[in-house]
Protein backbone atom coordinates (compact mmCIF):
# COMPACT_ATOMS: atom_id res chain seq x y z
CA UNK A 1 166.77 117.38 148.82
CA UNK A 2 163.09 117.85 149.49
CA UNK A 3 160.45 116.86 147.03
CA UNK A 4 157.53 119.10 146.39
CA UNK A 5 154.26 117.33 145.91
CA UNK A 6 152.50 118.23 142.72
CA UNK A 7 148.86 119.10 142.77
CA UNK A 8 146.73 117.62 140.02
CA UNK A 9 146.32 120.04 137.14
CA UNK A 10 142.70 120.94 136.38
CA UNK A 11 141.97 120.87 132.66
CA UNK A 12 141.28 124.16 130.91
CA UNK A 13 139.55 122.49 127.97
CA UNK A 14 137.91 119.18 127.09
CA UNK A 15 137.82 117.08 123.96
CA UNK A 16 134.46 116.40 122.30
CA UNK A 17 134.31 113.02 124.07
CA UNK A 18 135.16 114.53 127.47
CA UNK A 19 132.61 117.32 126.98
CA UNK A 20 129.94 114.76 126.09
CA UNK A 21 130.74 112.73 129.21
CA UNK A 22 130.74 115.82 131.43
CA UNK A 23 127.36 116.96 130.09
CA UNK A 24 125.85 113.47 129.98
CA UNK A 25 125.05 113.68 126.27
CA UNK A 26 126.30 111.97 123.11
CA UNK A 27 129.33 113.11 121.14
CA UNK A 28 126.98 113.79 118.22
CA UNK A 29 125.02 116.21 120.43
CA UNK A 30 128.23 118.06 121.32
CA UNK A 31 129.22 118.22 117.65
CA UNK A 32 125.76 119.64 116.83
CA UNK A 33 126.20 122.33 119.50
CA UNK A 34 129.58 123.18 117.96
CA UNK A 35 128.11 123.36 114.42
CA UNK A 36 125.26 125.57 115.65
CA UNK A 37 127.73 127.94 117.32
CA UNK A 38 126.52 127.14 120.84
CA UNK A 39 129.92 125.77 121.94
CA UNK A 40 133.02 127.50 120.60
CA UNK A 41 136.14 125.43 120.01
CA UNK A 42 139.85 126.10 119.90
CA UNK A 43 142.25 124.39 117.49
CA UNK A 44 145.10 123.24 119.69
CA UNK A 45 148.00 121.32 118.18
CA UNK A 46 145.79 119.54 115.69
CA UNK A 47 142.97 118.91 118.18
CA UNK A 48 139.61 120.56 118.55
CA UNK A 49 138.95 121.34 122.22
CA UNK A 50 136.14 123.10 124.05
CA UNK A 51 137.27 125.50 126.79
CA UNK A 52 135.75 124.80 130.22
CA UNK A 53 134.67 128.47 130.34
CA UNK A 54 132.66 127.94 127.14
CA UNK A 55 130.91 124.90 128.62
CA UNK A 56 130.09 126.83 131.80
CA UNK A 57 128.80 129.80 129.75
CA UNK A 58 126.61 127.46 127.70
CA UNK A 59 125.13 125.99 130.87
CA UNK A 60 124.54 129.49 132.27
CA UNK A 61 122.55 130.35 129.12
CA UNK A 62 120.64 127.06 129.09
CA UNK A 63 116.98 127.05 129.97
CA UNK A 64 116.38 125.18 133.19
CA UNK A 65 113.30 122.99 133.33
CA UNK A 66 111.88 121.41 136.42
CA UNK A 67 111.23 117.74 135.87
CA UNK A 68 108.34 116.41 137.88
CA UNK A 69 107.90 112.68 138.25
CA UNK A 70 104.43 111.33 137.50
CA UNK A 71 102.38 110.26 140.53
CA UNK A 72 102.90 106.71 141.70
CA UNK A 73 100.69 104.32 139.76
CA UNK A 74 100.26 106.63 136.77
CA UNK A 75 101.33 105.49 133.32
CA UNK A 76 103.11 107.50 130.68
CA UNK A 77 99.86 107.98 128.78
CA UNK A 78 98.20 109.65 131.76
CA UNK A 79 95.85 106.76 132.53
CA UNK A 80 95.92 104.58 135.58
CA UNK A 81 98.15 101.58 135.77
CA UNK A 82 96.55 98.18 135.14
CA UNK A 83 96.63 95.56 137.84
């Protein structure tokens, strides 16, 4: 008898906690996005899950901002650093 090796199954949806971890935000932020209708959910056997497609669509709609680091020696207030 030969054994077939099983490939890992990729998830089709994430829990709120998994979505938060994947996006690098808090669970409260994910819940706010759900409340505001930005992330749709599916009720699945008593659980609320967010489809991966919905997360990808949200990211596609998101506004991308370029973050530029301040010059070396500059402080957050825009003045020069003290020595």
